[in-house]
Protein backbone atom coordinates (compact mmCIF):
# COMPACT_ATOMS: atom_id res chain seq x y z
CA MET A 1 -6.14 -31.93 31.98
CA ALA A 2 -6.61 -28.16 31.70
CA ALA A 3 -8.25 -26.50 28.74
CA TRP A 4 -6.03 -24.32 26.55
CA HIS A 5 -8.06 -21.21 27.36
CA ASN A 6 -6.96 -21.52 31.00
CA MET A 7 -3.71 -19.96 29.75
CA GLY A 8 -5.70 -16.84 28.77
CA PRO A 9 -7.76 -14.80 28.54
CA PHE A 10 -7.14 -14.46 24.81
CA THR A 11 -8.63 -11.97 22.37
CA VAL A 12 -8.27 -13.04 18.76
CA PHE A 13 -8.75 -10.05 16.49
CA ASP A 14 -8.75 -9.17 12.82
CA LEU A 15 -8.83 -5.88 10.96
CA GLU A 16 -10.04 -4.94 7.51
CA THR A 17 -8.34 -1.91 6.00
CA THR A 18 -8.25 0.51 3.06
CA GLY A 19 -4.84 -0.86 1.99
CA MET A 20 -1.54 -2.35 3.11
CA SER A 21 0.26 0.66 4.64
CA PRO A 22 -0.42 1.46 8.32
CA MET A 23 0.95 4.97 7.76
CA ARG A 24 -1.20 5.81 4.73
CA ASP A 25 -4.23 3.52 4.99
CA ARG A 26 -6.93 3.16 7.64
CA ILE A 27 -8.96 0.50 9.44
CA VAL A 28 -12.54 -0.05 8.21
CA GLU A 29 -13.57 -2.94 10.48
CA ILE A 30 -12.51 -4.55 13.76
CA GLY A 31 -13.63 -8.06 14.65
CA ALA A 32 -12.63 -10.01 17.75
CA VAL A 33 -13.41 -13.14 19.73
CA ARG A 34 -12.45 -13.27 23.40
CA VAL A 35 -12.12 -16.52 25.34
CA ASP A 36 -11.80 -16.21 29.10
CA PRO A 37 -10.23 -18.88 31.35
CA ASP A 38 -13.69 -20.11 32.35
CA GLY A 39 -14.42 -20.81 28.68
CA VAL A 40 -16.86 -17.93 28.21
CA VAL A 41 -16.69 -16.64 24.63
CA THR A 42 -17.65 -13.06 23.74
CA ARG A 43 -17.54 -11.29 20.40
CA PHE A 44 -16.82 -7.74 19.26
CA GLU A 45 -17.42 -6.39 15.79
CA THR A 46 -17.70 -2.87 14.43
CA LEU A 47 -17.34 -1.07 11.17
CA VAL A 48 -15.07 1.98 11.33
CA ASN A 49 -15.39 5.21 9.36
CA PRO A 50 -11.85 5.59 7.96
CA SER A 51 -12.38 9.23 6.93
CA ILE A 52 -10.77 8.37 3.57
CA PRO A 53 -12.28 6.60 0.57
CA ILE A 54 -12.17 2.80 0.44
CA PRO A 55 -10.61 1.72 -2.87
CA PHE A 56 -12.88 -0.46 -4.99
CA SER A 57 -10.12 -3.09 -5.19
CA LEU A 58 -10.35 -3.52 -1.40
CA THR A 59 -14.14 -3.45 -1.39
CA ARG A 60 -13.94 -6.47 -3.71
CA VAL A 61 -11.79 -8.26 -1.09
CA HIS A 62 -13.72 -7.55 2.12
CA GLY A 63 -17.07 -6.36 0.81
CA ILE A 64 -17.02 -3.10 2.80
CA ASP A 65 -17.83 0.02 0.80
CA ASN A 66 -17.95 3.74 1.54
CA GLY A 67 -21.70 3.71 2.13
CA MET A 68 -21.41 1.02 4.79
CA VAL A 69 -18.95 3.05 6.87
CA ALA A 70 -20.48 6.50 6.37
CA GLU A 71 -22.35 6.39 9.70
CA ALA A 72 -19.87 4.08 11.50
CA PRO A 73 -17.88 5.32 14.49
CA ILE A 74 -14.54 6.98 13.82
CA PHE A 75 -11.45 4.96 14.74
CA LYS A 76 -10.90 6.65 18.11
CA ASP A 77 -14.35 5.61 19.33
CA ALA A 78 -14.14 2.10 17.85
CA ALA A 79 -10.62 1.63 19.25
CA TYR A 80 -11.66 2.74 22.72
CA ALA A 81 -14.47 0.15 22.70
CA PHE A 82 -12.10 -2.55 21.38
CA LEU A 83 -9.46 -1.78 24.03
CA GLU A 84 -12.10 -2.08 26.75
CA PHE A 85 -13.22 -5.41 25.26
CA ALA A 86 -9.64 -6.77 25.08
CA GLN A 87 -8.45 -5.33 28.39
CA GLY A 88 -6.50 -7.83 30.49
CA SER A 89 -6.20 -10.38 27.69
CA LYS A 90 -3.47 -11.59 25.38
CA LEU A 91 -4.03 -10.51 21.77
CA VAL A 92 -3.78 -13.07 18.98
CA ALA A 93 -3.90 -12.35 15.25
CA HIS A 94 -3.24 -14.23 12.04
CA ASN A 95 -0.19 -12.42 10.66
CA ALA A 96 -0.05 -10.33 13.83
CA ARG A 97 2.60 -7.95 12.50
CA PHE A 98 0.11 -6.53 9.97
CA ASP A 99 -2.85 -6.14 12.34
CA LEU A 100 -0.81 -4.89 15.28
CA ALA A 101 0.97 -2.30 13.08
CA PHE A 102 -2.40 -0.91 11.95
CA LEU A 103 -3.77 -0.94 15.49
CA GLN A 104 -0.73 0.80 16.98
CA GLU A 105 -0.56 3.42 14.21
CA GLY A 106 -4.25 4.16 14.60
CA LEU A 107 -3.95 4.45 18.38
CA ALA A 108 -0.95 6.79 18.07
CA ARG A 109 -2.71 8.90 15.43
CA CYS A 110 -5.67 9.60 17.72
CA GLY A 111 -3.74 9.95 20.98
CA LEU A 112 -4.84 6.73 22.68
CA PRO A 113 -2.32 4.62 24.61
CA LEU A 114 -0.51 2.00 22.56
CA TRP A 115 -1.18 -1.70 23.19
CA LYS A 116 1.77 -2.64 25.42
CA SER A 117 1.50 -6.42 25.49
CA GLY A 118 2.18 -7.22 21.83
CA ALA A 119 0.28 -9.99 20.10
CA TYR A 120 0.77 -13.68 19.49
CA ASP A 121 0.91 -14.63 15.82
CA SER A 122 -1.36 -17.60 15.20
CA ILE A 123 0.59 -18.48 12.03
CA VAL A 124 3.71 -19.28 14.09
CA LEU A 125 1.78 -21.61 16.37
CA ILE A 126 -0.17 -23.24 13.54
CA ARG A 127 3.03 -23.92 11.57
CA LYS A 128 4.45 -25.73 14.60
CA ALA A 129 1.28 -27.76 15.09
CA TYR A 130 0.74 -28.55 11.40
CA PRO A 131 4.07 -28.46 9.55
CA GLY A 132 4.10 -29.10 5.85
CA LEU A 133 0.81 -27.51 4.84
CA SER A 134 1.04 -25.88 1.42
CA SER A 135 -0.31 -22.57 2.73
CA TYR A 136 -1.20 -21.01 6.07
CA SER A 137 -3.70 -18.46 4.78
CA LEU A 138 -7.03 -18.57 6.58
CA GLN A 139 -8.76 -19.80 3.43
CA SER A 140 -6.26 -22.66 3.08
CA LEU A 141 -6.49 -23.56 6.77
CA ARG A 142 -10.27 -23.54 6.50
CA ARG A 143 -10.07 -26.08 3.68
CA ASP A 144 -7.18 -28.20 5.03
CA LEU A 145 -8.24 -28.31 8.70
CA GLY A 146 -12.00 -28.21 8.16
CA LEU A 147 -12.50 -24.90 9.97
CA GLY A 148 -15.55 -22.71 10.03
CA ALA A 149 -18.31 -25.26 9.50
CA GLU A 150 -20.58 -23.23 11.80
CA LEU A 151 -19.79 -19.84 10.27
CA ASP A 152 -22.02 -17.74 8.03
CA GLU A 153 -20.73 -18.34 4.48
CA SER A 154 -22.22 -15.06 3.26
CA ARG A 155 -19.61 -13.02 5.14
CA PRO A 156 -16.20 -14.36 4.08
CA HIS A 157 -13.17 -12.16 4.64
CA ARG A 158 -14.89 -9.83 7.06
CA ALA A 159 -13.11 -9.11 10.33
CA GLY A 160 -15.49 -11.05 12.56
CA PHE A 161 -15.49 -14.06 10.23
CA ASP A 162 -11.68 -14.07 10.04
CA ALA A 163 -11.38 -13.67 13.83
CA GLU A 164 -13.65 -16.71 14.29
CA LEU A 165 -11.55 -18.78 11.85
CA THR A 166 -8.36 -17.65 13.55
CA MET A 167 -9.76 -18.56 16.98
CA GLU A 168 -10.70 -22.01 15.72
CA ALA A 169 -7.25 -22.59 14.16
CA PHE A 170 -5.49 -21.18 17.25
CA SER A 171 -7.57 -23.43 19.51
CA MET A 172 -6.76 -26.54 17.43
CA ALA A 173 -3.05 -25.69 17.40
CA MET A 174 -2.97 -25.08 21.16
CA ARG A 175 -4.68 -28.42 21.84
CA THR A 176 -2.31 -30.22 19.43
CA LEU A 177 0.88 -28.66 20.78
CA TYR A 178 0.06 -28.62 24.46
CA SER A 179 -2.38 -31.56 24.72
CA LEU A 180 -4.87 -29.23 26.34
């Protein structure tokens, strides 16, 4: 029986932002986990200088403040590195519409090519694999499916942490649905 990652490579990614509007707000962190068909797992994580202030209300959510991003790469440089990392893979995100909208808007804003392959939404797959859960937020999935036992508890709701949780949930759902 083949492993689910043989259908890949997959790059599960998550973004932290200054708000909810891709047109008005900016990305402050990119986190990703790539699984290649041979099972090799690599990680990508970078803070991003958004060139606009991070609202305190969002700092309370993701823990990223203006001082942390002051010396971080600007989006164009961070995006270029992320696109190289994800090249040739299928993107996956939890609530992909949100993350992909921010990614595409950021790429367009700085003149980089748009991501042409779209992204799989892990929520859709997880709902099929585990119908009837009360919530499909990452925090609820972590509790209900026992995800993230190996993850650093001191970094919740950071992009790399959320990408790891999403990869774990995506992997479980793929194995459940496709017996892989």
